[in-house]
Amino acid sequence: MDYVRETIILKLCDLPDTPRHPVYRTVYAGYVFIPEASEVIAEVNRNRFRITGSRPFDYAPQVYEDPHYYPQHLRCEVDDYEFNQMIQSLGNYNFESTRMTVAKQLINNNYFNSRQVGRLMQQMTFESSKLELAKYAYSKTLDKNNYFLVNDQFSFESSIAELADYIALRN
């Protein structure tokens, strides 16, 4: 049986029954090898993720080439452990431009909540860098209704206004 040559990283999230205040928790984050043209059957519960089998497709599956196409409810933010590793990594760089480059790489490959975006902004020294990062992270933020929290990281009201204008153009 042929296996997909790409490594597929799977992250399953648990969304409790609190529609007004969802809390995401990573149930499993790791690698899954999927046989070519097959679907994988798995069981997920609070404590484990177990693959119970796989079977060939008898239909053409929907292929998502770009993670932006995944429905919003299938995305989940990085957990606290992963996020703390990201913050620690950013702290290893002396130059603001390098920290910005690395932060953008992290943002491109993950989803965040507004509080986490604020903490990423704290790693930047200059107001212009904080604003650039806040704009860049907006599309990868799951709780956009709380994005006002990032305003606390700005020193100037003009930055808050510029970010508000940026967000207004995207909504």
N, C-alpha and C. Protein backbone atom coordinates (compact mmCIF):
# COMPACT_ATOMS: atom_id res chain seq x y z
N MET A 1 0.85 -1.18 0.00
CA MET A 1 0.00 0.00 0.00
C MET A 1 0.89 1.23 0.00
N ASP A 2 0.63 2.17 -0.91
CA ASP A 2 1.40 3.40 -0.99
C ASP A 2 0.93 4.37 0.08
N TYR A 3 1.87 5.11 0.62
CA TYR A 3 1.54 6.12 1.61
C TYR A 3 1.87 7.49 1.05
N VAL A 4 1.12 8.47 1.49
CA VAL A 4 1.36 9.84 1.08
C VAL A 4 2.78 10.22 1.48
N ARG A 5 3.50 10.84 0.58
CA ARG A 5 4.88 11.20 0.87
C ARG A 5 4.98 12.40 1.78
N GLU A 6 3.95 13.23 1.79
CA GLU A 6 3.96 14.39 2.67
C GLU A 6 3.63 13.96 4.09
N THR A 7 4.21 14.65 5.03
CA THR A 7 3.85 14.43 6.41
C THR A 7 2.64 15.28 6.72
N ILE A 8 1.64 14.67 7.26
CA ILE A 8 0.43 15.39 7.60
C ILE A 8 0.42 15.63 9.10
N ILE A 9 0.29 16.88 9.48
CA ILE A 9 0.25 17.22 10.89
C ILE A 9 -1.21 17.42 11.25
N LEU A 10 -1.66 16.69 12.24
CA LEU A 10 -3.05 16.73 12.64
C LEU A 10 -3.15 17.35 14.02
N LYS A 11 -4.07 18.27 14.15
CA LYS A 11 -4.32 18.87 15.45
C LYS A 11 -5.82 18.86 15.68
N LEU A 12 -6.26 18.10 16.65
CA LEU A 12 -7.68 18.01 16.97
C LEU A 12 -7.95 18.87 18.18
N CYS A 13 -9.05 19.56 18.16
CA CYS A 13 -9.40 20.45 19.26
C CYS A 13 -10.73 20.04 19.85
N ASP A 14 -10.83 20.22 21.12
CA ASP A 14 -12.05 19.96 21.85
C ASP A 14 -12.73 21.29 22.11
N LEU A 15 -13.99 21.40 21.72
CA LEU A 15 -14.73 22.63 21.93
C LEU A 15 -15.89 22.32 22.87
N PRO A 16 -15.79 22.74 24.13
CA PRO A 16 -16.85 22.45 25.09
C PRO A 16 -18.17 23.10 24.68
N ASP A 17 -19.24 22.65 25.29
CA ASP A 17 -20.57 23.15 24.98
C ASP A 17 -20.85 24.49 25.63
N THR A 18 -20.03 25.46 25.34
CA THR A 18 -20.26 26.82 25.83
C THR A 18 -20.23 27.74 24.63
N PRO A 19 -21.36 27.91 23.96
CA PRO A 19 -21.37 28.66 22.70
C PRO A 19 -20.95 30.11 22.84
N ARG A 20 -21.15 30.71 23.99
CA ARG A 20 -20.81 32.12 24.13
C ARG A 20 -19.35 32.32 24.46
N HIS A 21 -18.71 31.35 25.09
CA HIS A 21 -17.32 31.47 25.50
C HIS A 21 -16.58 30.17 25.20
N PRO A 22 -16.33 29.91 23.91
CA PRO A 22 -15.64 28.65 23.59
C PRO A 22 -14.21 28.64 24.12
N VAL A 23 -13.80 27.49 24.59
CA VAL A 23 -12.43 27.29 25.07
C VAL A 23 -11.88 26.11 24.29
N TYR A 24 -10.78 26.33 23.61
CA TYR A 24 -10.19 25.27 22.81
C TYR A 24 -9.12 24.57 23.61
N ARG A 25 -9.06 23.27 23.45
CA ARG A 25 -8.05 22.47 24.13
C ARG A 25 -7.54 21.46 23.12
N THR A 26 -6.25 21.36 23.00
CA THR A 26 -5.68 20.40 22.06
C THR A 26 -5.85 19.00 22.61
N VAL A 27 -6.46 18.14 21.82
CA VAL A 27 -6.65 16.74 22.20
C VAL A 27 -5.48 15.91 21.67
N TYR A 28 -5.04 16.24 20.46
CA TYR A 28 -3.92 15.52 19.85
C TYR A 28 -3.22 16.46 18.89
N ALA A 29 -1.93 16.46 18.93
CA ALA A 29 -1.14 17.21 17.96
C ALA A 29 0.04 16.31 17.59
N GLY A 30 0.12 15.93 16.36
CA GLY A 30 1.20 15.04 15.96
C GLY A 30 1.10 14.67 14.50
N TYR A 31 1.80 13.65 14.12
CA TYR A 31 1.87 13.21 12.74
C TYR A 31 0.96 12.01 12.52
N VAL A 32 0.31 12.00 11.37
CA VAL A 32 -0.53 10.88 10.99
C VAL A 32 -0.16 10.54 9.55
N PHE A 33 0.14 9.29 9.31
CA PHE A 33 0.46 8.84 7.96
C PHE A 33 -0.80 8.21 7.37
N ILE A 34 -1.26 8.77 6.26
CA ILE A 34 -2.51 8.35 5.66
C ILE A 34 -2.21 7.63 4.35
N PRO A 35 -2.72 6.42 4.20
CA PRO A 35 -2.52 5.72 2.92
C PRO A 35 -3.12 6.52 1.77
N GLU A 36 -2.48 6.44 0.61
CA GLU A 36 -2.92 7.20 -0.55
C GLU A 36 -4.36 6.85 -0.91
N ALA A 37 -5.15 7.88 -1.25
CA ALA A 37 -6.55 7.74 -1.66
C ALA A 37 -7.37 6.97 -0.63
N SER A 38 -7.12 7.26 0.63
CA SER A 38 -7.84 6.58 1.71
C SER A 38 -8.32 7.57 2.75
N GLU A 39 -9.28 7.15 3.52
CA GLU A 39 -9.69 7.93 4.67
C GLU A 39 -9.33 7.15 5.92
N VAL A 40 -9.04 7.85 6.97
CA VAL A 40 -8.63 7.24 8.22
C VAL A 40 -9.79 7.35 9.20
N ILE A 41 -10.07 6.26 9.88
CA ILE A 41 -11.12 6.23 10.89
C ILE A 41 -10.42 6.27 12.25
N ALA A 42 -10.87 7.19 13.10
CA ALA A 42 -10.21 7.36 14.40
C ALA A 42 -11.25 7.59 15.48
N GLU A 43 -10.84 7.29 16.71
CA GLU A 43 -11.64 7.57 17.88
C GLU A 43 -10.94 8.66 18.69
N VAL A 44 -11.70 9.62 19.13
CA VAL A 44 -11.14 10.68 19.94
C VAL A 44 -11.98 10.79 21.20
N ASN A 45 -11.31 10.77 22.33
CA ASN A 45 -12.02 11.06 23.58
C ASN A 45 -11.14 11.98 24.40
N ARG A 46 -11.51 12.25 25.63
CA ARG A 46 -10.77 13.21 26.45
C ARG A 46 -9.29 12.90 26.60
N ASN A 47 -8.94 11.65 26.65
CA ASN A 47 -7.58 11.27 27.00
C ASN A 47 -6.73 10.73 25.87
N ARG A 48 -7.34 10.41 24.74
CA ARG A 48 -6.49 9.84 23.69
C ARG A 48 -7.12 9.96 22.31
N PHE A 49 -6.26 9.75 21.36
CA PHE A 49 -6.61 9.74 19.94
C PHE A 49 -6.10 8.41 19.42
N ARG A 50 -6.99 7.59 18.84
CA ARG A 50 -6.59 6.26 18.39
C ARG A 50 -7.14 6.02 16.99
N ILE A 51 -6.24 5.63 16.08
CA ILE A 51 -6.67 5.28 14.73
C ILE A 51 -7.16 3.85 14.76
N THR A 52 -8.41 3.64 14.31
CA THR A 52 -9.00 2.30 14.36
C THR A 52 -8.96 1.61 13.00
N GLY A 53 -8.66 2.36 11.93
CA GLY A 53 -8.57 1.73 10.63
C GLY A 53 -8.53 2.75 9.52
N SER A 54 -8.45 2.23 8.30
CA SER A 54 -8.51 3.10 7.13
C SER A 54 -9.17 2.32 6.00
N ARG A 55 -9.72 3.03 5.05
CA ARG A 55 -10.36 2.39 3.90
C ARG A 55 -10.18 3.28 2.68
N PRO A 56 -10.13 2.69 1.51
CA PRO A 56 -9.95 3.48 0.29
C PRO A 56 -11.18 4.35 0.04
N PHE A 57 -10.95 5.50 -0.57
CA PHE A 57 -12.06 6.38 -0.95
C PHE A 57 -12.88 5.71 -2.04
N ASP A 58 -14.19 5.81 -1.93
CA ASP A 58 -15.02 5.37 -3.03
C ASP A 58 -15.69 6.59 -3.67
N TYR A 59 -15.09 7.76 -3.44
CA TYR A 59 -15.53 9.02 -4.01
C TYR A 59 -14.33 9.95 -4.05
N ALA A 60 -14.44 11.03 -4.77
CA ALA A 60 -13.35 12.01 -4.83
C ALA A 60 -13.46 12.94 -3.62
N PRO A 61 -12.46 12.92 -2.75
CA PRO A 61 -12.54 13.76 -1.54
C PRO A 61 -12.33 15.24 -1.86
N GLN A 62 -12.87 16.10 -1.00
CA GLN A 62 -12.63 17.55 -1.11
C GLN A 62 -11.20 17.80 -0.63
N VAL A 63 -10.41 18.46 -1.44
CA VAL A 63 -9.02 18.73 -1.10
C VAL A 63 -8.88 20.20 -0.76
N TYR A 64 -8.31 20.47 0.40
CA TYR A 64 -8.05 21.84 0.82
C TYR A 64 -6.56 22.10 0.65
N GLU A 65 -6.21 22.86 -0.38
CA GLU A 65 -4.80 23.16 -0.64
C GLU A 65 -4.26 24.20 0.32
N ASP A 66 -5.12 25.09 0.76
CA ASP A 66 -4.70 26.21 1.58
C ASP A 66 -5.45 26.15 2.90
N PRO A 67 -4.75 26.21 4.04
CA PRO A 67 -5.46 26.11 5.32
C PRO A 67 -6.48 27.22 5.54
N HIS A 68 -6.41 28.32 4.80
CA HIS A 68 -7.40 29.38 4.95
C HIS A 68 -8.79 28.94 4.54
N TYR A 69 -8.88 27.85 3.75
CA TYR A 69 -10.17 27.38 3.27
C TYR A 69 -10.88 26.50 4.29
N TYR A 70 -10.19 26.08 5.32
CA TYR A 70 -10.85 25.27 6.33
C TYR A 70 -11.91 26.09 7.03
N PRO A 71 -13.06 25.51 7.27
CA PRO A 71 -14.10 26.26 7.99
C PRO A 71 -13.60 26.74 9.34
N GLN A 72 -14.09 27.89 9.76
CA GLN A 72 -13.64 28.52 11.01
C GLN A 72 -13.72 27.57 12.20
N HIS A 73 -14.78 26.77 12.28
CA HIS A 73 -14.95 25.91 13.44
C HIS A 73 -13.95 24.75 13.47
N LEU A 74 -13.22 24.52 12.38
CA LEU A 74 -12.23 23.45 12.36
C LEU A 74 -10.82 23.94 12.70
N ARG A 75 -10.69 25.24 12.95
CA ARG A 75 -9.39 25.81 13.29
C ARG A 75 -9.29 25.92 14.80
N CYS A 76 -8.09 25.79 15.32
CA CYS A 76 -7.91 26.00 16.75
C CYS A 76 -6.57 26.69 16.99
N GLU A 77 -6.56 27.50 18.02
CA GLU A 77 -5.37 28.27 18.34
C GLU A 77 -4.30 27.37 18.94
N VAL A 78 -3.07 27.86 18.95
CA VAL A 78 -1.99 27.10 19.58
C VAL A 78 -2.26 27.01 21.07
N ASP A 79 -1.87 25.90 21.64
CA ASP A 79 -2.07 25.76 23.09
C ASP A 79 -1.00 26.54 23.84
N ASP A 80 -1.17 26.65 25.15
CA ASP A 80 -0.27 27.48 25.97
C ASP A 80 1.17 27.00 25.91
N TYR A 81 1.38 25.70 25.91
CA TYR A 81 2.75 25.16 25.87
C TYR A 81 3.45 25.58 24.57
N GLU A 82 2.76 25.35 23.44
CA GLU A 82 3.34 25.73 22.14
C GLU A 82 3.58 27.23 22.08
N PHE A 83 2.62 27.99 22.58
CA PHE A 83 2.74 29.44 22.51
C PHE A 83 3.92 29.93 23.35
N ASN A 84 4.09 29.38 24.53
CA ASN A 84 5.23 29.78 25.37
C ASN A 84 6.56 29.45 24.70
N GLN A 85 6.61 28.35 23.96
CA GLN A 85 7.82 28.02 23.20
C GLN A 85 8.06 29.07 22.11
N MET A 86 7.00 29.54 21.49
CA MET A 86 7.14 30.57 20.46
C MET A 86 7.68 31.87 21.06
N ILE A 87 7.14 32.26 22.20
CA ILE A 87 7.60 33.49 22.86
C ILE A 87 9.06 33.36 23.25
N GLN A 88 9.43 32.20 23.78
CA GLN A 88 10.83 31.97 24.17
C GLN A 88 11.73 32.05 22.94
N SER A 89 11.29 31.49 21.84
CA SER A 89 12.08 31.53 20.61
C SER A 89 12.27 32.97 20.13
N LEU A 90 11.21 33.77 20.16
CA LEU A 90 11.33 35.17 19.74
C LEU A 90 12.30 35.94 20.62
N GLY A 91 12.35 35.60 21.90
CA GLY A 91 13.26 36.27 22.82
C GLY A 91 14.73 35.99 22.55
N ASN A 92 15.01 34.99 21.73
CA ASN A 92 16.40 34.64 21.43
C ASN A 92 17.05 35.55 20.39
N TYR A 93 16.25 36.42 19.77
CA TYR A 93 16.77 37.26 18.69
C TYR A 93 16.96 38.69 19.17
N ASN A 94 18.10 39.28 18.83
CA ASN A 94 18.43 40.62 19.28
C ASN A 94 17.83 41.71 18.40
N PHE A 95 17.70 41.44 17.12
CA PHE A 95 17.25 42.47 16.20
C PHE A 95 15.73 42.40 15.98
N GLU A 96 15.12 43.55 16.01
CA GLU A 96 13.67 43.66 15.82
C GLU A 96 13.25 43.07 14.48
N SER A 97 14.02 43.31 13.43
CA SER A 97 13.66 42.81 12.10
C SER A 97 13.65 41.28 12.09
N THR A 98 14.58 40.66 12.79
CA THR A 98 14.62 39.20 12.87
C THR A 98 13.43 38.69 13.66
N ARG A 99 13.12 39.34 14.77
CA ARG A 99 11.95 38.93 15.57
C ARG A 99 10.67 39.05 14.74
N MET A 100 10.58 40.11 13.93
CA MET A 100 9.39 40.29 13.09
C MET A 100 9.29 39.18 12.05
N THR A 101 10.40 38.84 11.42
CA THR A 101 10.41 37.77 10.43
C THR A 101 9.97 36.45 11.05
N VAL A 102 10.52 36.13 12.21
CA VAL A 102 10.17 34.88 12.88
C VAL A 102 8.71 34.91 13.34
N ALA A 103 8.26 36.03 13.87
CA ALA A 103 6.86 36.16 14.30
C ALA A 103 5.91 35.94 13.13
N LYS A 104 6.24 36.47 11.97
CA LYS A 104 5.39 36.28 10.79
C LYS A 104 5.38 34.81 10.36
N GLN A 105 6.51 34.13 10.48
CA GLN A 105 6.55 32.70 10.18
C GLN A 105 5.61 31.94 11.12
N LEU A 106 5.65 32.29 12.39
CA LEU A 106 4.78 31.63 13.37
C LEU A 106 3.31 31.90 13.05
N ILE A 107 3.01 33.13 12.70
CA ILE A 107 1.63 33.51 12.40
C ILE A 107 1.14 32.78 11.14
N ASN A 108 1.99 32.67 10.15
CA ASN A 108 1.59 32.00 8.90
C ASN A 108 1.16 30.56 9.12
N ASN A 109 1.74 29.90 10.11
CA ASN A 109 1.53 28.46 10.30
C ASN A 109 0.61 28.10 11.46
N ASN A 110 0.00 29.09 12.10
CA ASN A 110 -0.82 28.83 13.28
C ASN A 110 -1.99 29.78 13.35
N TYR A 111 -2.88 29.50 14.28
CA TYR A 111 -3.98 30.40 14.61
C TYR A 111 -3.83 30.82 16.07
N PHE A 112 -4.29 32.03 16.38
CA PHE A 112 -4.08 32.61 17.71
C PHE A 112 -5.37 33.19 18.25
N ASN A 113 -5.39 33.45 19.56
CA ASN A 113 -6.47 34.25 20.11
C ASN A 113 -5.92 35.66 20.33
N SER A 114 -6.79 36.61 20.63
CA SER A 114 -6.39 38.01 20.75
C SER A 114 -5.37 38.22 21.86
N ARG A 115 -5.52 37.52 22.95
CA ARG A 115 -4.57 37.64 24.06
C ARG A 115 -3.17 37.22 23.61
N GLN A 116 -3.09 36.15 22.83
CA GLN A 116 -1.80 35.67 22.35
C GLN A 116 -1.18 36.68 21.38
N VAL A 117 -1.98 37.30 20.54
CA VAL A 117 -1.45 38.32 19.63
C VAL A 117 -0.85 39.46 20.44
N GLY A 118 -1.52 39.86 21.52
CA GLY A 118 -0.98 40.90 22.39
C GLY A 118 0.37 40.52 22.96
N ARG A 119 0.51 39.26 23.35
CA ARG A 119 1.80 38.80 23.89
C ARG A 119 2.87 38.76 22.81
N LEU A 120 2.50 38.43 21.58
CA LEU A 120 3.47 38.49 20.48
C LEU A 120 3.93 39.93 20.27
N MET A 121 2.98 40.85 20.36
CA MET A 121 3.31 42.27 20.17
C MET A 121 4.28 42.76 21.26
N GLN A 122 4.18 42.21 22.45
CA GLN A 122 5.08 42.60 23.54
C GLN A 122 6.53 42.27 23.23
N GLN A 123 6.76 41.38 22.29
CA GLN A 123 8.13 41.01 21.92
C GLN A 123 8.77 42.06 21.01
N MET A 124 7.96 43.00 20.54
CA MET A 124 8.46 44.05 19.67
C MET A 124 8.73 45.31 20.50
N THR A 125 9.74 46.08 20.10
CA THR A 125 10.13 47.29 20.82
C THR A 125 9.46 48.52 20.24
N PHE A 126 9.44 48.60 18.93
CA PHE A 126 8.97 49.81 18.26
C PHE A 126 7.46 49.77 18.01
N GLU A 127 6.84 50.91 18.14
CA GLU A 127 5.39 51.04 17.92
C GLU A 127 5.01 50.60 16.51
N SER A 128 5.83 50.97 15.54
CA SER A 128 5.53 50.60 14.15
C SER A 128 5.56 49.08 13.95
N SER A 129 6.45 48.41 14.65
CA SER A 129 6.53 46.95 14.56
C SER A 129 5.31 46.30 15.22
N LYS A 130 4.89 46.86 16.34
CA LYS A 130 3.71 46.33 17.02
C LYS A 130 2.48 46.47 16.13
N LEU A 131 2.35 47.61 15.48
CA LEU A 131 1.22 47.84 14.59
C LEU A 131 1.27 46.90 13.39
N GLU A 132 2.43 46.76 12.80
CA GLU A 132 2.59 45.84 11.66
C GLU A 132 2.20 44.42 12.06
N LEU A 133 2.65 43.99 13.22
CA LEU A 133 2.35 42.64 13.70
C LEU A 133 0.86 42.47 13.98
N ALA A 134 0.23 43.47 14.58
CA ALA A 134 -1.20 43.41 14.88
C ALA A 134 -2.01 43.28 13.58
N LYS A 135 -1.62 44.03 12.56
CA LYS A 135 -2.30 43.94 11.27
C LYS A 135 -2.08 42.56 10.65
N TYR A 136 -0.85 42.10 10.70
CA TYR A 136 -0.50 40.83 10.08
C TYR A 136 -1.23 39.66 10.72
N ALA A 137 -1.40 39.71 12.03
CA ALA A 137 -2.00 38.59 12.77
C ALA A 137 -3.53 38.58 12.73
N TYR A 138 -4.13 39.68 12.31
CA TYR A 138 -5.59 39.77 12.39
C TYR A 138 -6.30 38.63 11.65
N SER A 139 -5.84 38.30 10.46
CA SER A 139 -6.51 37.25 9.67
C SER A 139 -6.34 35.87 10.28
N LYS A 140 -5.36 35.69 11.15
CA LYS A 140 -5.12 34.38 11.77
C LYS A 140 -5.57 34.36 13.23
N THR A 141 -6.45 35.29 13.59
CA THR A 141 -6.98 35.37 14.95
C THR A 141 -8.39 34.82 14.96
N LEU A 142 -8.65 33.89 15.88
CA LEU A 142 -9.95 33.23 15.91
C LEU A 142 -11.03 34.03 16.62
N ASP A 143 -10.67 34.79 17.63
CA ASP A 143 -11.68 35.55 18.38
C ASP A 143 -11.59 37.04 18.03
N LYS A 144 -11.92 37.34 16.81
CA LYS A 144 -11.81 38.72 16.32
C LYS A 144 -12.66 39.69 17.14
N ASN A 145 -13.71 39.19 17.78
CA ASN A 145 -14.55 40.05 18.62
C ASN A 145 -13.79 40.56 19.85
N ASN A 146 -12.68 39.94 20.19
CA ASN A 146 -11.86 40.38 21.33
C ASN A 146 -10.58 41.09 20.89
N TYR A 147 -10.49 41.44 19.62
CA TYR A 147 -9.23 42.02 19.12
C TYR A 147 -8.91 43.37 19.74
N PHE A 148 -9.89 43.98 20.37
CA PHE A 148 -9.64 45.24 21.08
C PHE A 148 -8.58 45.06 22.17
N LEU A 149 -8.37 43.83 22.63
CA LEU A 149 -7.38 43.56 23.68
C LEU A 149 -5.96 43.92 23.24
N VAL A 150 -5.69 43.86 21.95
CA VAL A 150 -4.33 44.18 21.48
C VAL A 150 -4.03 45.66 21.61
N ASN A 151 -5.06 46.49 21.71
CA ASN A 151 -4.85 47.93 21.84
C ASN A 151 -4.02 48.28 23.07
N ASP A 152 -4.08 47.46 24.10
CA ASP A 152 -3.31 47.72 25.33
C ASP A 152 -1.81 47.72 25.09
N GLN A 153 -1.36 47.17 23.98
CA GLN A 153 0.07 47.08 23.70
C GLN A 153 0.62 48.34 23.03
N PHE A 154 -0.26 49.21 22.60
CA PHE A 154 0.18 50.42 21.91
C PHE A 154 0.44 51.56 22.90
N SER A 155 1.40 52.39 22.56
CA SER A 155 1.71 53.58 23.36
C SER A 155 1.00 54.82 22.83
N PHE A 156 0.63 54.79 21.55
CA PHE A 156 0.03 55.96 20.92
C PHE A 156 -1.38 55.66 20.43
N GLU A 157 -2.27 56.60 20.63
CA GLU A 157 -3.65 56.44 20.18
C GLU A 157 -3.75 56.38 18.67
N SER A 158 -2.80 57.00 17.98
CA SER A 158 -2.83 56.97 16.52
C SER A 158 -2.67 55.53 16.00
N SER A 159 -1.93 54.70 16.73
CA SER A 159 -1.77 53.29 16.33
C SER A 159 -3.08 52.54 16.49
N ILE A 160 -3.80 52.84 17.56
CA ILE A 160 -5.11 52.21 17.79
C ILE A 160 -6.05 52.59 16.66
N ALA A 161 -6.05 53.87 16.29
CA ALA A 161 -6.92 54.34 15.22
C ALA A 161 -6.55 53.69 13.88
N GLU A 162 -5.25 53.58 13.60
CA GLU A 162 -4.82 52.97 12.34
C GLU A 162 -5.21 51.50 12.28
N LEU A 163 -5.08 50.79 13.39
CA LEU A 163 -5.49 49.39 13.42
C LEU A 163 -7.00 49.27 13.24
N ALA A 164 -7.76 50.15 13.87
CA ALA A 164 -9.22 50.12 13.72
C ALA A 164 -9.62 50.36 12.27
N ASP A 165 -8.95 51.27 11.60
CA ASP A 165 -9.22 51.52 10.18
C ASP A 165 -8.90 50.29 9.33
N TYR A 166 -7.77 49.66 9.65
CA TYR A 166 -7.35 48.45 8.94
C TYR A 166 -8.41 47.34 9.09
N ILE A 167 -8.87 47.16 10.31
CA ILE A 167 -9.87 46.10 10.57
C ILE A 167 -11.18 46.43 9.88
N ALA A 168 -11.59 47.69 9.91
CA ALA A 168 -12.84 48.10 9.27
C ALA A 168 -12.83 47.79 7.78
N LEU A 169 -11.70 47.90 7.13
CA LEU A 169 -11.60 47.61 5.70
C LEU A 169 -11.71 46.12 5.42
N ARG A 170 -11.45 45.28 6.40
CA ARG A 170 -11.48 43.84 6.21
C ARG A 170 -12.79 43.20 6.63
N ASN A 171 -13.62 43.93 7.29
CA ASN A 171 -14.91 43.39 7.75
C ASN A 171 -16.05 43.78 6.84
